[in-house]
Amino acid sequence: MSGFRRPFRLRNYRFQWPADLLTSWAFEMETLVLGWYVLVETGSVLLLTVLASLNYVGTLIAPMFGVIGDRIGHRDLLAMMRVAYAMLAATLMLLALTGRLTPTWVMIIVSIMGLIRPSDLGVRAALVADIMPADLLVGAISISRTTQDTARIAGALSGAGLFAALGIGPVYVAIMCLYVASTILTLCIKLPARPRPAAGGAERTPARSPFGDLREGLAHVWTTPQVRAAMWIAFLVNLTAFPLTNGLLPYVARDIYATNQAGLGYLTASFATGSLIGSMALGFVSVARVARLMIASTSVWYATLLVFVQIKTVPVAMACLMLAGFSQSLSMIAVAVILMRSVDERLRGRVMGVRMMVIYGLPIGLLAAGSLIDRFGFAVAGTLYAAAGFALMLGIVLHWRDYLWPAHAAANAK
């Protein structure tokens, strides 16, 4: 247990972890509640995929959030983002409690939140790297991922239960309170003051424009082979793997398994339980060959999805989702560790912003999946996604094999 507790010896981590946890809980509750609301009100799987895609419209501007974080500090940026979440949640809460909520209002507000929300994970990862010594980074990132995993369990089950029992208005009261509490905890993080430049330093070092900072981050990603390979794998799984378990589950629960909000909560929680087990495992166990872990776990993830899309019974589907969540967690932690180990401290925000930008593959994959499911059915569309993703992942690994597989490669450094 001592290995799991080591990051919590740092005061700042003891504030960041619960702040991230509450934010993740609110995210998951919103995703489940709004997805079910739009599906029931409109009856359209295409509109469901549109809604899910709107959560990620900000991925294209995520690198600029990284630039801002590198300039003003990742803690301050994260706190401002969470204030915005609370304000948008309060708007939805008031609309629901006054009976004025419609799918159109949901789409508008989710679009606004989608400009900010995709950058949250990247900024929080950069903040973990800021406050954590290098020897604790793998464990700290692994434990940080448990905030998302426990959220998909507790957030999904509590959101589904509250929605079914009380309706969408009371659920949004709880969501807004979670955002407010997470903002307060984030502001409790105290980072050392940044050193001020010496007198006359402004004359010696020309001020850089934000776009110059962005170009520097993009250049670092493009010229570092293991970073570029990890980015391509992250884009690929967002395009072909995550759509099957992130955004389409309300459709799968209602139309494939003929279950209700509670059944949707169980399916979501199964994936999250597997992910939580994976995150906790890496919090306890030191992994020497991180790039090899990324390759192996991504392969298992796609293989599990190939089975999941053929399943017709809820219990077996839950088992498949648990294994998929476990392998997904190992894969994404490995990607994050490769990125954090391969970049200079001053570039972390920008590189993680680029990492968040590749999430744009998810809305593309969701929209395409909606059309394919309408035409060919879920099983055919899901098989195509998983098989194509696995084949393309092998192509990426073969292309950068000299930087990913050898034990002496930088991506496998201890």
Protein backbone atom coordinates (compact mmCIF):
# COMPACT_ATOMS: atom_id res chain seq x y z
CA MET A 1 0.00 0.00 0.00
CA SER A 2 2.97 2.30 0.58
CA GLY A 3 3.59 2.64 -3.17
CA PHE A 4 0.01 3.80 -3.68
CA ARG A 5 0.27 6.30 -0.85
CA ARG A 6 3.58 7.91 -1.81
CA PRO A 7 2.15 10.67 -4.07
CA PHE A 8 -0.29 11.64 -1.30
CA ARG A 9 2.62 12.61 0.94
CA LEU A 10 2.76 15.82 -1.09
CA ARG A 11 0.31 18.44 0.17
CA ASN A 12 -0.54 19.70 -3.32
CA TYR A 13 -1.44 16.23 -4.56
CA ARG A 14 -3.79 15.77 -1.61
CA PHE A 15 -5.77 18.74 -2.97
CA GLN A 16 -5.46 18.03 -6.69
CA TRP A 17 -6.61 14.42 -6.53
CA PRO A 18 -10.01 15.10 -4.88
CA ALA A 19 -10.49 18.21 -7.07
CA ASP A 20 -9.98 16.10 -10.18
CA LEU A 21 -12.20 13.38 -8.72
CA LEU A 22 -15.16 15.71 -8.19
CA THR A 23 -14.76 17.20 -11.67
CA SER A 24 -14.66 13.74 -13.23
CA TRP A 25 -17.77 12.68 -11.30
CA ALA A 26 -19.63 15.70 -12.62
CA PHE A 27 -18.44 15.02 -16.19
CA GLU A 28 -19.69 11.44 -16.10
CA MET A 29 -23.04 12.35 -14.58
CA GLU A 30 -23.58 14.98 -17.26
CA THR A 31 -22.58 12.66 -20.10
CA LEU A 32 -24.97 9.92 -19.00
CA VAL A 33 -27.90 12.15 -18.05
CA LEU A 34 -27.80 14.37 -21.15
CA GLY A 35 -27.22 11.42 -23.49
CA TRP A 36 -30.26 9.60 -22.12
CA TYR A 37 -32.34 12.80 -22.15
CA VAL A 38 -31.61 13.54 -25.82
CA LEU A 39 -32.13 9.91 -26.88
CA VAL A 40 -35.51 9.71 -25.12
CA GLU A 41 -36.71 13.15 -26.27
CA THR A 42 -35.66 12.73 -29.92
CA GLY A 43 -35.41 8.94 -30.43
CA SER A 44 -32.46 9.53 -32.78
CA VAL A 45 -29.11 7.70 -32.48
CA LEU A 46 -27.66 10.23 -34.93
CA LEU A 47 -28.53 13.13 -32.61
CA LEU A 48 -27.07 11.13 -29.73
CA THR A 49 -23.75 10.88 -31.59
CA VAL A 50 -23.95 14.59 -32.44
CA LEU A 51 -24.41 15.40 -28.75
CA ALA A 52 -21.46 13.21 -27.79
CA SER A 53 -19.35 14.85 -30.51
CA LEU A 54 -20.15 18.35 -29.24
CA ASN A 55 -18.31 17.51 -26.01
CA TYR A 56 -15.09 17.49 -28.02
CA VAL A 57 -15.37 20.50 -30.30
CA GLY A 58 -12.65 22.23 -28.29
CA THR A 59 -10.01 19.62 -29.06
CA LEU A 60 -8.81 21.68 -32.02
CA ILE A 61 -8.00 24.62 -29.74
CA ALA A 62 -6.62 22.49 -26.88
CA PRO A 63 -2.98 23.36 -27.76
CA MET A 64 -3.77 27.03 -27.09
CA PHE A 65 -5.00 26.06 -23.62
CA GLY A 66 -1.60 24.42 -23.19
CA VAL A 67 0.13 27.64 -24.22
CA ILE A 68 -2.00 29.63 -21.74
CA GLY A 69 -1.26 27.11 -18.99
CA ASP A 70 2.48 27.32 -19.63
CA ARG A 71 2.24 31.12 -19.36
CA ILE A 72 -0.13 31.77 -16.44
CA GLY A 73 0.27 28.48 -14.58
CA HIS A 74 -1.64 25.22 -14.91
CA ARG A 75 -3.37 25.57 -11.54
CA ASP A 76 -4.84 28.99 -12.32
CA LEU A 77 -6.04 27.87 -15.74
CA LEU A 78 -7.65 24.74 -14.29
CA ALA A 79 -9.49 26.79 -11.65
CA MET A 80 -10.88 29.18 -14.28
CA MET A 81 -12.05 26.27 -16.42
CA ARG A 82 -13.89 24.73 -13.48
CA VAL A 83 -15.62 28.02 -12.69
CA ALA A 84 -16.93 27.96 -16.26
CA TYR A 85 -18.22 24.38 -15.81
CA ALA A 86 -20.14 25.45 -12.70
CA MET A 87 -21.74 28.40 -14.49
CA LEU A 88 -22.87 26.26 -17.44
CA ALA A 89 -24.21 23.56 -15.11
CA ALA A 90 -26.14 26.22 -13.20
CA THR A 91 -27.71 27.37 -16.47
CA LEU A 92 -28.89 23.84 -17.30
CA MET A 93 -30.12 23.42 -13.73
CA LEU A 94 -32.28 26.55 -13.92
CA LEU A 95 -33.70 25.57 -17.31
CA ALA A 96 -34.59 22.11 -16.02
CA LEU A 97 -36.12 23.31 -12.75
CA THR A 98 -38.26 25.89 -14.56
CA GLY A 99 -39.44 23.39 -17.19
CA ARG A 100 -37.80 25.23 -20.08
CA LEU A 101 -35.13 22.67 -20.95
CA THR A 102 -35.23 21.33 -24.53
CA PRO A 103 -32.80 19.26 -26.63
CA THR A 104 -31.89 22.48 -28.46
CA TRP A 105 -30.79 24.16 -25.23
CA VAL A 106 -28.82 21.05 -24.30
CA MET A 107 -27.01 21.11 -27.65
CA ILE A 108 -26.15 24.83 -27.29
CA ILE A 109 -24.78 24.58 -23.75
CA VAL A 110 -22.89 21.34 -24.43
CA SER A 111 -21.30 23.07 -27.45
CA ILE A 112 -20.02 25.85 -25.19
CA MET A 113 -18.74 23.42 -22.58
CA GLY A 114 -17.17 21.35 -25.36
CA LEU A 115 -14.86 24.27 -26.17
CA ILE A 116 -13.29 24.00 -22.70
CA ARG A 117 -13.79 20.49 -21.37
CA PRO A 118 -11.45 18.53 -23.70
CA SER A 119 -8.46 20.45 -22.32
CA ASP A 120 -9.18 19.51 -18.70
CA LEU A 121 -7.34 16.18 -18.75
CA GLY A 122 -4.27 17.66 -20.43
CA VAL A 123 -4.02 20.58 -18.02
CA ARG A 124 -4.47 18.37 -14.97
CA ALA A 125 -1.76 15.98 -16.26
CA ALA A 126 0.63 18.91 -16.74
CA LEU A 127 -0.18 20.08 -13.20
CA VAL A 128 0.61 16.60 -11.82
CA ALA A 129 3.98 16.76 -13.58
CA ASP A 130 4.56 20.24 -12.07
CA ILE A 131 4.00 19.12 -8.48
CA MET A 132 5.42 15.58 -8.61
CA PRO A 133 9.07 14.42 -8.47
CA ALA A 134 10.19 12.42 -11.51
CA ASP A 135 10.52 9.15 -9.57
CA LEU A 136 6.83 9.32 -8.55
CA LEU A 137 5.44 10.37 -11.94
CA VAL A 138 4.24 6.95 -13.19
CA GLY A 139 2.46 6.20 -9.90
CA ALA A 140 0.99 9.70 -9.67
CA ILE A 141 -0.40 9.63 -13.22
CA SER A 142 -1.80 6.14 -12.63
CA ILE A 143 -3.50 7.21 -9.40
CA SER A 144 -4.78 10.37 -11.09
CA ARG A 145 -6.54 8.24 -13.68
CA THR A 146 -8.51 6.59 -10.88
CA THR A 147 -10.43 9.87 -10.62
CA GLN A 148 -11.90 9.23 -14.07
CA ASP A 149 -12.40 5.52 -13.40
CA THR A 150 -14.20 5.90 -10.09
CA ALA A 151 -16.25 8.68 -11.68
CA ARG A 152 -17.48 6.36 -14.41
CA ILE A 153 -18.59 3.95 -11.69
CA ALA A 154 -20.00 6.23 -8.99
CA GLY A 155 -20.93 9.08 -11.34
CA ALA A 156 -22.72 6.80 -13.76
CA LEU A 157 -24.61 4.84 -11.11
CA SER A 158 -25.53 7.86 -9.00
CA GLY A 159 -26.44 9.94 -12.06
CA ALA A 160 -28.65 7.18 -13.44
CA GLY A 161 -30.28 6.59 -10.06
CA LEU A 162 -30.94 10.26 -9.36
CA PHE A 163 -32.21 10.84 -12.90
CA ALA A 164 -34.63 7.92 -12.70
CA ALA A 165 -35.86 8.85 -9.22
CA LEU A 166 -35.88 12.65 -9.20
CA GLY A 167 -35.50 13.93 -12.75
CA ILE A 168 -32.88 16.02 -14.50
CA GLY A 169 -33.26 19.21 -12.40
CA PRO A 170 -32.18 17.74 -9.03
CA VAL A 171 -29.34 15.89 -10.76
CA TYR A 172 -27.99 19.21 -12.01
CA VAL A 173 -28.12 20.68 -8.50
CA ALA A 174 -25.68 17.93 -7.48
CA ILE A 175 -23.53 18.45 -10.59
CA MET A 176 -23.17 22.18 -9.96
CA CYS A 177 -22.17 21.55 -6.33
CA LEU A 178 -19.47 19.12 -7.49
CA TYR A 179 -17.99 21.75 -9.83
CA VAL A 180 -17.98 24.42 -7.11
CA ALA A 181 -16.24 22.11 -4.63
CA SER A 182 -13.63 21.07 -7.21
CA THR A 183 -12.85 24.74 -7.94
CA ILE A 184 -12.26 25.48 -4.25
CA LEU A 185 -9.94 22.47 -3.88
CA THR A 186 -8.00 23.45 -7.00
CA LEU A 187 -7.38 26.93 -5.58
CA CYS A 188 -5.92 25.31 -2.44
CA ILE A 189 -2.95 24.03 -4.48
CA LYS A 190 0.10 26.19 -3.75
CA LEU A 191 2.92 26.19 -6.29
CA PRO A 192 6.29 27.92 -5.83
CA ALA A 193 6.42 31.40 -7.28
CA ARG A 194 7.97 31.48 -10.72
CA PRO A 195 11.36 33.18 -10.79
CA ARG A 196 11.22 36.69 -12.19
CA PRO A 197 13.62 37.58 -14.99
CA ALA A 198 16.67 39.61 -13.99
CA ALA A 199 16.75 43.34 -14.64
CA GLY A 200 17.24 43.99 -18.31
CA GLY A 201 16.22 40.43 -19.14
CA ALA A 202 13.36 41.63 -21.29
CA GLU A 203 15.88 43.32 -23.59
CA ARG A 204 18.05 40.22 -23.85
CA THR A 205 15.16 37.77 -24.47
CA PRO A 206 12.54 38.91 -26.97
CA ALA A 207 8.96 38.22 -25.96
CA ARG A 208 7.43 35.28 -27.80
CA SER A 209 3.94 35.33 -29.24
CA PRO A 210 1.46 32.64 -28.17
CA PHE A 211 1.57 31.23 -31.70
CA GLY A 212 5.34 31.06 -31.49
CA ASP A 213 4.99 29.00 -28.31
CA LEU A 214 2.47 26.79 -30.07
CA ARG A 215 4.78 26.22 -33.04
CA GLU A 216 7.56 25.25 -30.64
CA GLY A 217 5.35 22.61 -29.01
CA LEU A 218 4.17 21.23 -32.35
CA ALA A 219 7.76 21.08 -33.62
CA HIS A 220 8.83 19.11 -30.55
CA VAL A 221 6.03 16.60 -31.08
CA TRP A 222 6.85 16.20 -34.78
CA THR A 223 10.61 15.77 -34.32
CA THR A 224 10.51 13.31 -31.39
CA PRO A 225 9.72 9.85 -32.84
CA GLN A 226 8.36 8.17 -29.70
CA VAL A 227 6.13 11.19 -29.00
CA ARG A 228 4.80 11.22 -32.56
CA ALA A 229 4.06 7.48 -32.41
CA ALA A 230 2.24 7.83 -29.08
CA MET A 231 0.19 10.72 -30.51
CA TRP A 232 -0.85 8.66 -33.54
CA ILE A 233 -1.93 5.76 -31.33
CA ALA A 234 -3.90 8.17 -29.12
CA PHE A 235 -5.65 9.59 -32.21
CA LEU A 236 -6.38 6.11 -33.55
CA VAL A 237 -8.03 4.77 -30.39
CA ASN A 238 -10.14 7.92 -30.14
CA LEU A 239 -11.26 7.41 -33.74
CA THR A 240 -11.97 3.67 -33.65
CA ALA A 241 -12.11 2.35 -30.05
CA PHE A 242 -13.59 4.97 -27.73
CA PRO A 243 -16.74 5.59 -29.84
CA LEU A 244 -17.93 2.04 -29.09
CA THR A 245 -17.86 2.62 -25.32
CA ASN A 246 -18.00 6.41 -25.02
CA GLY A 247 -21.09 8.02 -26.53
CA LEU A 248 -22.83 4.99 -28.02
CA LEU A 249 -23.58 3.15 -24.78
CA PRO A 250 -27.03 4.80 -24.35
CA TYR A 251 -27.95 3.42 -27.79
CA VAL A 252 -26.47 -0.02 -26.99
CA ALA A 253 -28.33 -0.16 -23.67
CA ARG A 254 -31.72 0.83 -25.08
CA ASP A 255 -31.75 -0.68 -28.58
CA ILE A 256 -29.42 -3.70 -28.32
CA TYR A 257 -30.15 -4.87 -24.75
CA ALA A 258 -33.60 -3.24 -24.26
CA THR A 259 -32.66 -1.98 -20.80
CA ASN A 260 -33.26 1.30 -18.95
CA GLN A 261 -31.15 3.99 -17.24
CA ALA A 262 -30.06 1.53 -14.55
CA GLY A 263 -28.82 -0.91 -17.19
CA LEU A 264 -26.92 1.90 -18.87
CA GLY A 265 -25.33 2.71 -15.51
CA TYR A 266 -24.22 -0.93 -15.07
CA LEU A 267 -22.65 -1.06 -18.53
CA THR A 268 -20.83 2.23 -17.98
CA ALA A 269 -19.69 1.14 -14.53
CA SER A 270 -18.34 -2.17 -15.89
CA PHE A 271 -15.98 -0.39 -18.28
CA ALA A 272 -14.95 1.99 -15.51
CA THR A 273 -14.35 -0.83 -13.01
CA GLY A 274 -11.89 -2.48 -15.37
CA SER A 275 -10.21 0.87 -15.97
CA LEU A 276 -9.96 1.49 -12.22
CA ILE A 277 -8.32 -1.91 -11.68
CA GLY A 278 -5.78 -1.10 -14.40
CA SER A 279 -4.99 2.32 -12.95
CA MET A 280 -4.57 0.94 -9.44
CA ALA A 281 -2.38 -1.91 -10.71
CA LEU A 282 0.08 0.55 -12.21
CA GLY A 283 -0.05 2.57 -9.00
CA PHE A 284 1.30 -0.47 -7.14
CA VAL A 285 3.57 -2.04 -9.78
CA SER A 286 6.56 -0.36 -11.39
CA VAL A 287 6.56 -0.89 -15.18
CA ALA A 288 9.98 -0.81 -16.85
CA ARG A 289 8.99 -1.01 -20.54
CA VAL A 290 6.23 1.56 -20.96
CA ALA A 291 6.10 1.55 -24.79
CA ARG A 292 5.77 -2.24 -24.85
CA LEU A 293 2.94 -1.94 -22.33
CA MET A 294 1.21 0.55 -24.65
CA ILE A 295 1.45 -1.83 -27.61
CA ALA A 296 0.28 -4.94 -25.73
CA SER A 297 -2.61 -3.27 -23.90
CA THR A 298 -3.91 -1.53 -27.04
CA SER A 299 -3.90 -4.87 -28.87
CA VAL A 300 -5.94 -6.51 -26.08
CA TRP A 301 -8.32 -3.55 -26.10
CA TYR A 302 -9.16 -3.98 -29.79
CA ALA A 303 -9.46 -7.77 -29.45
CA THR A 304 -11.96 -7.33 -26.61
CA LEU A 305 -14.02 -4.84 -28.60
CA LEU A 306 -14.26 -7.32 -31.47
CA VAL A 307 -15.99 -9.70 -29.05
CA PHE A 308 -18.11 -7.00 -27.36
CA VAL A 309 -19.84 -5.85 -30.55
CA GLN A 310 -21.14 -9.40 -31.16
CA ILE A 311 -22.57 -9.91 -27.66
CA LYS A 312 -26.34 -9.92 -27.13
CA THR A 313 -26.61 -10.44 -23.36
CA VAL A 314 -25.91 -7.85 -20.66
CA PRO A 315 -23.81 -10.00 -18.24
CA VAL A 316 -21.35 -11.10 -20.94
CA ALA A 317 -21.21 -7.56 -22.31
CA MET A 318 -20.35 -6.27 -18.84
CA ALA A 319 -17.45 -8.74 -18.61
CA CYS A 320 -16.14 -7.64 -22.02
CA LEU A 321 -16.45 -3.99 -21.06
CA MET A 322 -14.52 -4.63 -17.86
CA LEU A 323 -11.62 -6.19 -19.77
CA ALA A 324 -11.76 -3.41 -22.36
CA GLY A 325 -11.62 -0.82 -19.59
CA PHE A 326 -8.64 -2.55 -17.97
CA SER A 327 -6.59 -2.62 -21.17
CA GLN A 328 -7.68 0.92 -22.12
CA SER A 329 -6.40 2.24 -18.81
CA LEU A 330 -2.96 0.65 -19.25
CA SER A 331 -2.75 1.95 -22.81
CA MET A 332 -3.63 5.57 -22.00
CA ILE A 333 -1.42 5.72 -18.91
CA ALA A 334 1.49 4.44 -21.00
CA VAL A 335 0.85 7.16 -23.62
CA ALA A 336 0.80 9.88 -20.93
CA VAL A 337 4.02 8.63 -19.32
CA ILE A 338 5.84 8.52 -22.66
CA LEU A 339 4.81 12.11 -23.36
CA MET A 340 5.72 13.45 -19.92
CA ARG A 341 9.12 11.71 -19.90
CA SER A 342 10.00 12.86 -23.41
CA VAL A 343 9.35 16.60 -23.13
CA ASP A 344 11.03 19.50 -21.39
CA GLU A 345 9.22 20.91 -18.35
CA ARG A 346 8.50 24.24 -20.04
CA LEU A 347 6.77 22.46 -22.96
CA ARG A 348 4.49 20.16 -20.95
CA GLY A 349 1.34 22.23 -21.32
CA ARG A 350 1.77 22.64 -25.07
CA VAL A 351 2.54 18.97 -25.69
CA MET A 352 -0.41 17.85 -23.56
CA GLY A 353 -2.53 20.36 -25.48
CA VAL A 354 -1.53 18.61 -28.70
CA ARG A 355 -2.38 15.32 -26.95
CA MET A 356 -5.86 16.64 -26.24
CA MET A 357 -6.20 17.82 -29.84
CA VAL A 358 -5.97 14.23 -31.10
CA ILE A 359 -9.17 13.50 -29.16
CA TYR A 360 -10.85 15.11 -32.17
CA GLY A 361 -10.78 11.63 -33.62
CA LEU A 362 -13.58 10.75 -31.18
CA PRO A 363 -16.29 13.08 -32.55
CA ILE A 364 -15.28 12.08 -36.09
CA GLY A 365 -15.59 8.43 -35.13
CA LEU A 366 -18.90 9.00 -33.36
CA LEU A 367 -20.51 10.80 -36.28
CA ALA A 368 -19.34 8.17 -38.75
CA ALA A 369 -20.52 5.40 -36.42
CA GLY A 370 -24.00 6.91 -36.22
CA SER A 371 -24.37 6.77 -40.00
CA LEU A 372 -22.89 3.26 -40.25
CA ILE A 373 -25.14 1.90 -37.50
CA ASP A 374 -28.24 3.34 -39.18
CA ARG A 375 -27.24 1.61 -42.42
CA PHE A 376 -25.56 -1.67 -41.37
CA GLY A 377 -26.33 -2.20 -37.69
CA PHE A 378 -24.19 -2.01 -34.56
CA ALA A 379 -22.41 -5.37 -34.93
CA VAL A 380 -21.14 -4.68 -38.46
CA ALA A 381 -20.11 -1.09 -37.68
CA GLY A 382 -18.38 -2.11 -34.44
CA THR A 383 -16.50 -4.97 -36.14
CA LEU A 384 -15.29 -2.61 -38.85
CA TYR A 385 -14.08 -0.09 -36.28
CA ALA A 386 -12.23 -2.60 -34.10
CA ALA A 387 -10.62 -4.52 -36.95
CA ALA A 388 -9.50 -1.38 -38.79
CA GLY A 389 -8.14 0.14 -35.59
CA PHE A 390 -6.13 -2.97 -34.75
CA ALA A 391 -4.62 -3.15 -38.25
CA LEU A 392 -3.68 0.55 -38.27
CA MET A 393 -2.17 0.28 -34.78
CA LEU A 394 0.11 -2.52 -35.97
CA GLY A 395 1.14 -0.31 -38.88
CA ILE A 396 2.14 2.50 -36.48
CA VAL A 397 4.14 0.10 -34.33
CA LEU A 398 5.98 -1.36 -37.32
CA HIS A 399 6.79 2.10 -38.69
CA TRP A 400 8.31 3.31 -35.38
CA ARG A 401 9.44 -0.09 -34.08
CA ASP A 402 13.02 1.09 -33.47
CA TYR A 403 11.72 3.74 -31.04
CA LEU A 404 9.00 1.66 -29.35
CA TRP A 405 10.05 -1.98 -28.99
CA PRO A 406 13.80 -2.28 -28.11
CA ALA A 407 14.47 -2.39 -24.37
CA HIS A 408 17.07 0.37 -24.75
CA ALA A 409 14.67 2.73 -26.60
CA ALA A 410 13.94 6.07 -24.91
CA ALA A 411 10.22 5.23 -24.71
CA ASN A 412 11.10 2.13 -22.64
CA ALA A 413 13.50 3.93 -20.31
CA LYS A 414 12.99 3.27 -16.60
